[in-house]
Every structure is written in C-alpha cells, then in structure tokens.
Amino acid sequence: MQTVTRYQQRISGPLLDRMDIYAEVPRVDYDKLSSERLGEPSAKIRERVEKAREKQRQRFAGRKLLSNADMGPKEVRENCVLDDAGKALIRAAMQQLGMSARAFHRILKVSRTIADLAGSERIQTAHLAEALQYRPRRQT
C-alpha cells in the first residue's frame, strides 16, 4: 500500500487533470464472486454503448468531432447545458475540489456521455454527480 501511495504522490495534478475517468477498483469479496446472481449481459451493455455512440455521431454530423471527448469549450457550452441544480452542484464541486477549467470541461463531457448512455437528452444532476465520482479523490 505504501508503494501505491508513493507512486500516486509522484503523479502531478496537471497529469491527473488530463484523465477523463479515474476509478479505484476495490478487491471483490468471495461472496460476490461466488454468487449465482448474474450481472448485466455484455450484449445489452454493448447495445447501450452503440446507441450512445450513434447519438454522438448524429450530434456532431458535419463537424470534425466524432465523440463527446472531442468537444472543445464551445461545443461543451452548446451540448452540456445544466439546470440550476446542476449548476449549483458543479459550482460547489469546483470550490471544494479546486478544479481547473480543464477538469470542469472534462466533467461536463463525461456527464454528457453518461446522459447519452442513459438515453437522456439533457444532463441530469445524477449524471453530473456520477461524473464527479470519476475524478481523483485527491488532487495535488
């Protein structure tokens, strides 16, 4: 564990800031591994991802952009509109986490993708909250 902590401390904030999604993956308990309950089938997940990708292709038709990840600040403003609750949430996150402008835009792009996967036309507060969960827990 100390080795992991030392390594993480070497990674600079600006480098972490360039990662769209950061997820810690805990060990899985034996009970979950040996459970008879099955998760969502890969085919169903693939179908959802393909629908989201098609939505993005349509959104960016006639542009050089292929996906939400390719959006610049102008496209983020156009395609990542938040309601008042979403604006309040990201404002609070920016203040508490000390996020950069780059991190702000990445959160909105990830939120847009989560909304696309959910089949939602608008980014909901839950989509934004999920995207915030994919940021590093510790900023340096």
C-alpha atoms as a PDB file:
ATOM      1  CA  MET A   1       0.000   0.000   0.000  1.00  0.00           C
ATOM      2  CA  GLN A   2       2.865   2.387   0.741  1.00  0.00           C
ATOM      3  CA  THR A   3       4.254   1.783  -2.740  1.00  0.00           C
ATOM      4  CA  VAL A   4       0.927   2.752  -4.316  1.00  0.00           C
ATOM      5  CA  THR A   5       0.679   5.857  -2.144  1.00  0.00           C
ATOM      6  CA  ARG A   6       4.239   6.929  -3.026  1.00  0.00           C
ATOM      7  CA  TYR A   7       3.529   6.397  -6.722  1.00  0.00           C
ATOM      8  CA  GLN A   8       0.304   8.395  -6.581  1.00  0.00           C
ATOM      9  CA  GLN A   9       2.096  11.239  -4.863  1.00  0.00           C
ATOM     10  CA  ARG A  10       4.530  11.427  -7.781  1.00  0.00           C
ATOM     11  CA  ILE A  11       1.728  11.921 -10.286  1.00  0.00           C
ATOM     12  CA  SER A  12       1.206  15.631 -10.656  1.00  0.00           C
ATOM     13  CA  GLY A  13      -2.174  17.368 -10.518  1.00  0.00           C
ATOM     14  CA  PRO A  14      -1.905  18.528 -14.157  1.00  0.00           C
ATOM     15  CA  LEU A  15      -1.357  14.938 -15.307  1.00  0.00           C
ATOM     16  CA  LEU A  16      -4.334  13.644 -13.324  1.00  0.00           C
ATOM     17  CA  ASP A  17      -6.302  16.593 -14.664  1.00  0.00           C
ATOM     18  CA  ARG A  18      -5.913  15.199 -18.189  1.00  0.00           C
ATOM     19  CA  MET A  19      -7.579  11.884 -17.337  1.00  0.00           C
ATOM     20  CA  ASP A  20     -11.289  11.777 -18.117  1.00  0.00           C
ATOM     21  CA  ILE A  21     -12.150   8.957 -15.754  1.00  0.00           C
ATOM     22  CA  TYR A  22     -10.325   7.844 -12.637  1.00  0.00           C
ATOM     23  CA  ALA A  23     -11.791   4.868 -10.827  1.00  0.00           C
ATOM     24  CA  GLU A  24     -10.468   2.983  -7.851  1.00  0.00           C
ATOM     25  CA  VAL A  25     -11.301  -0.695  -8.112  1.00  0.00           C
ATOM     26  CA  PRO A  26     -11.519  -2.434  -4.730  1.00  0.00           C
ATOM     27  CA  ARG A  27     -10.975  -6.125  -4.236  1.00  0.00           C
ATOM     28  CA  VAL A  28     -14.072  -8.202  -4.798  1.00  0.00           C
ATOM     29  CA  ASP A  29     -15.356 -10.273  -1.878  1.00  0.00           C
ATOM     30  CA  TYR A  30     -15.596 -14.021  -2.250  1.00  0.00           C
ATOM     31  CA  ASP A  31     -19.382 -13.891  -1.701  1.00  0.00           C
ATOM     32  CA  LYS A  32     -19.826 -11.643  -4.720  1.00  0.00           C
ATOM     33  CA  LEU A  33     -17.520 -13.732  -6.889  1.00  0.00           C
ATOM     34  CA  SER A  34     -19.258 -16.969  -5.994  1.00  0.00           C
ATOM     35  CA  SER A  35     -22.790 -15.574  -6.178  1.00  0.00           C
ATOM     36  CA  GLU A  36     -25.309 -17.166  -8.534  1.00  0.00           C
ATOM     37  CA  ARG A  37     -26.634 -13.719  -9.437  1.00  0.00           C
ATOM     38  CA  LEU A  38     -25.509 -12.592 -12.861  1.00  0.00           C
ATOM     39  CA  GLY A  39     -24.698  -9.039 -13.853  1.00  0.00           C
ATOM     40  CA  GLU A  40     -25.962  -7.237 -16.921  1.00  0.00           C
ATOM     41  CA  PRO A  41     -25.099  -9.204 -20.077  1.00  0.00           C
ATOM     42  CA  SER A  42     -22.297  -7.778 -22.233  1.00  0.00           C
ATOM     43  CA  ALA A  43     -24.575  -7.765 -25.283  1.00  0.00           C
ATOM     44  CA  LYS A  44     -27.005  -5.436 -23.521  1.00  0.00           C
ATOM     45  CA  ILE A  45     -24.189  -3.115 -22.454  1.00  0.00           C
ATOM     46  CA  ARG A  46     -22.806  -3.130 -25.981  1.00  0.00           C
ATOM     47  CA  GLU A  47     -26.227  -2.183 -27.360  1.00  0.00           C
ATOM     48  CA  ARG A  48     -26.440   0.777 -24.963  1.00  0.00           C
ATOM     49  CA  VAL A  49     -22.931   1.928 -25.894  1.00  0.00           C
ATOM     50  CA  GLU A  50     -23.688   1.649 -29.608  1.00  0.00           C
ATOM     51  CA  LYS A  51     -26.842   3.749 -29.174  1.00  0.00           C
ATOM     52  CA  ALA A  52     -24.861   6.397 -27.284  1.00  0.00           C
ATOM     53  CA  ARG A  53     -22.150   6.437 -29.976  1.00  0.00           C
ATOM     54  CA  GLU A  54     -24.788   6.817 -32.691  1.00  0.00           C
ATOM     55  CA  LYS A  55     -26.342   9.706 -30.777  1.00  0.00           C
ATOM     56  CA  GLN A  56     -22.923  11.361 -30.678  1.00  0.00           C
ATOM     57  CA  ARG A  57     -22.367  10.779 -34.408  1.00  0.00           C
ATOM     58  CA  GLN A  58     -25.691  12.484 -35.098  1.00  0.00           C
ATOM     59  CA  ARG A  59     -24.884  15.334 -32.699  1.00  0.00           C
ATOM     60  CA  PHE A  60     -21.602  16.052 -34.461  1.00  0.00           C
ATOM     61  CA  ALA A  61     -22.694  15.296 -38.044  1.00  0.00           C
ATOM     62  CA  GLY A  62     -20.960  17.653 -40.461  1.00  0.00           C
ATOM     63  CA  ARG A  63     -18.219  18.502 -37.954  1.00  0.00           C
ATOM     64  CA  LYS A  64     -14.765  17.089 -37.391  1.00  0.00           C
ATOM     65  CA  LEU A  65     -15.847  15.808 -33.977  1.00  0.00           C
ATOM     66  CA  LEU A  66     -16.565  12.121 -33.504  1.00  0.00           C
ATOM     67  CA  SER A  67     -17.475  11.889 -29.833  1.00  0.00           C
ATOM     68  CA  ASN A  68     -18.140  13.889 -26.685  1.00  0.00           C
ATOM     69  CA  ALA A  69     -14.469  13.546 -25.754  1.00  0.00           C
ATOM     70  CA  ASP A  70     -13.557  15.624 -28.822  1.00  0.00           C
ATOM     71  CA  MET A  71     -15.619  18.641 -27.758  1.00  0.00           C
ATOM     72  CA  GLY A  72     -13.900  21.938 -27.147  1.00  0.00           C
ATOM     73  CA  PRO A  73     -15.206  24.693 -24.846  1.00  0.00           C
ATOM     74  CA  LYS A  74     -17.644  25.993 -27.496  1.00  0.00           C
ATOM     75  CA  GLU A  75     -19.217  22.578 -28.043  1.00  0.00           C
ATOM     76  CA  VAL A  76     -19.336  21.952 -24.295  1.00  0.00           C
ATOM     77  CA  ARG A  77     -21.352  25.164 -23.853  1.00  0.00           C
ATOM     78  CA  GLU A  78     -23.733  24.073 -26.634  1.00  0.00           C
ATOM     79  CA  ASN A  79     -24.172  20.424 -25.647  1.00  0.00           C
ATOM     80  CA  CYS A  80     -23.659  20.306 -21.886  1.00  0.00           C
ATOM     81  CA  VAL A  81     -26.357  22.636 -20.610  1.00  0.00           C
ATOM     82  CA  LEU A  82     -27.124  22.235 -16.912  1.00  0.00           C
ATOM     83  CA  ASP A  83     -30.247  23.140 -14.971  1.00  0.00           C
ATOM     84  CA  ASP A  84     -29.992  25.264 -11.823  1.00  0.00           C
ATOM     85  CA  ALA A  85     -29.403  22.231  -9.575  1.00  0.00           C
ATOM     86  CA  GLY A  86     -26.620  21.008 -11.852  1.00  0.00           C
ATOM     87  CA  LYS A  87     -25.010  24.439 -11.917  1.00  0.00           C
ATOM     88  CA  ALA A  88     -25.104  24.593  -8.117  1.00  0.00           C
ATOM     89  CA  LEU A  89     -23.554  21.123  -7.854  1.00  0.00           C
ATOM     90  CA  ILE A  90     -20.673  21.835 -10.214  1.00  0.00           C
ATOM     91  CA  ARG A  91     -20.079  25.238  -8.608  1.00  0.00           C
ATOM     92  CA  ALA A  92     -19.778  23.573  -5.193  1.00  0.00           C
ATOM     93  CA  ALA A  93     -17.512  20.861  -6.622  1.00  0.00           C
ATOM     94  CA  MET A  94     -15.249  23.435  -8.256  1.00  0.00           C
ATOM     95  CA  GLN A  95     -14.881  25.284  -4.966  1.00  0.00           C
ATOM     96  CA  GLN A  96     -14.398  22.219  -2.769  1.00  0.00           C
ATOM     97  CA  LEU A  97     -12.119  20.289  -5.126  1.00  0.00           C
ATOM     98  CA  GLY A  98     -10.235  23.271  -6.538  1.00  0.00           C
ATOM     99  CA  MET A  99     -10.811  22.006 -10.067  1.00  0.00           C
ATOM    100  CA  SER A 100      -9.176  23.648 -13.066  1.00  0.00           C
ATOM    101  CA  ALA A 101     -11.006  24.818 -16.195  1.00  0.00           C
ATOM    102  CA  ARG A 102      -9.794  21.655 -17.926  1.00  0.00           C
ATOM    103  CA  ALA A 103     -11.283  19.482 -15.175  1.00  0.00           C
ATOM    104  CA  PHE A 104     -14.553  21.458 -15.363  1.00  0.00           C
ATOM    105  CA  HIS A 105     -14.878  20.756 -19.084  1.00  0.00           C
ATOM    106  CA  ARG A 106     -13.951  17.102 -18.681  1.00  0.00           C
ATOM    107  CA  ILE A 107     -16.612  16.625 -16.013  1.00  0.00           C
ATOM    108  CA  LEU A 108     -19.209  18.125 -18.343  1.00  0.00           C
ATOM    109  CA  LYS A 109     -18.098  15.906 -21.249  1.00  0.00           C
ATOM    110  CA  VAL A 110     -18.245  12.784 -19.078  1.00  0.00           C
ATOM    111  CA  SER A 111     -21.671  13.914 -17.808  1.00  0.00           C
ATOM    112  CA  ARG A 112     -22.862  14.276 -21.412  1.00  0.00           C
ATOM    113  CA  THR A 113     -21.662  10.738 -22.144  1.00  0.00           C
ATOM    114  CA  ILE A 114     -23.382   9.347 -19.045  1.00  0.00           C
ATOM    115  CA  ALA A 115     -26.602  11.088 -20.132  1.00  0.00           C
ATOM    116  CA  ASP A 116     -26.209   9.591 -23.623  1.00  0.00           C
ATOM    117  CA  LEU A 117     -25.773   6.115 -22.142  1.00  0.00           C
ATOM    118  CA  ALA A 118     -28.926   6.671 -20.086  1.00  0.00           C
ATOM    119  CA  GLY A 119     -30.828   7.790 -23.207  1.00  0.00           C
ATOM    120  CA  SER A 120     -31.362  11.270 -21.764  1.00  0.00           C
ATOM    121  CA  GLU A 121     -31.489  14.370 -23.942  1.00  0.00           C
ATOM    122  CA  ARG A 122     -30.395  16.611 -21.067  1.00  0.00           C
ATOM    123  CA  ILE A 123     -27.706  16.188 -18.447  1.00  0.00           C
ATOM    124  CA  GLN A 124     -29.443  15.475 -15.164  1.00  0.00           C
ATOM    125  CA  THR A 125     -27.951  16.222 -11.761  1.00  0.00           C
ATOM    126  CA  ALA A 126     -27.474  12.472 -11.229  1.00  0.00           C
ATOM    127  CA  HIS A 127     -25.363  12.275 -14.408  1.00  0.00           C
ATOM    128  CA  LEU A 128     -23.213  15.156 -13.205  1.00  0.00           C
ATOM    129  CA  ALA A 129     -22.863  13.616  -9.735  1.00  0.00           C
ATOM    130  CA  GLU A 130     -21.746  10.322 -11.285  1.00  0.00           C
ATOM    131  CA  ALA A 131     -19.173  12.107 -13.441  1.00  0.00           C
ATOM    132  CA  LEU A 132     -17.825  13.861 -10.358  1.00  0.00           C
ATOM    133  CA  GLN A 133     -17.328  10.452  -8.745  1.00  0.00           C
ATOM    134  CA  TYR A 134     -14.890   9.570 -11.527  1.00  0.00           C
ATOM    135  CA  ARG A 135     -12.471  12.358 -10.575  1.00  0.00           C
ATOM    136  CA  PRO A 136      -9.396  11.581  -8.492  1.00  0.00           C
ATOM    137  CA  ARG A 137     -10.150  11.580  -4.769  1.00  0.00           C
ATOM    138  CA  ARG A 138      -7.026  13.551  -4.023  1.00  0.00           C
ATOM    139  CA  GLN A 139      -5.807  16.477  -6.104  1.00  0.00           C
ATOM    140  CA  THR A 140      -2.208  17.572  -5.681  1.00  0.00           C
END
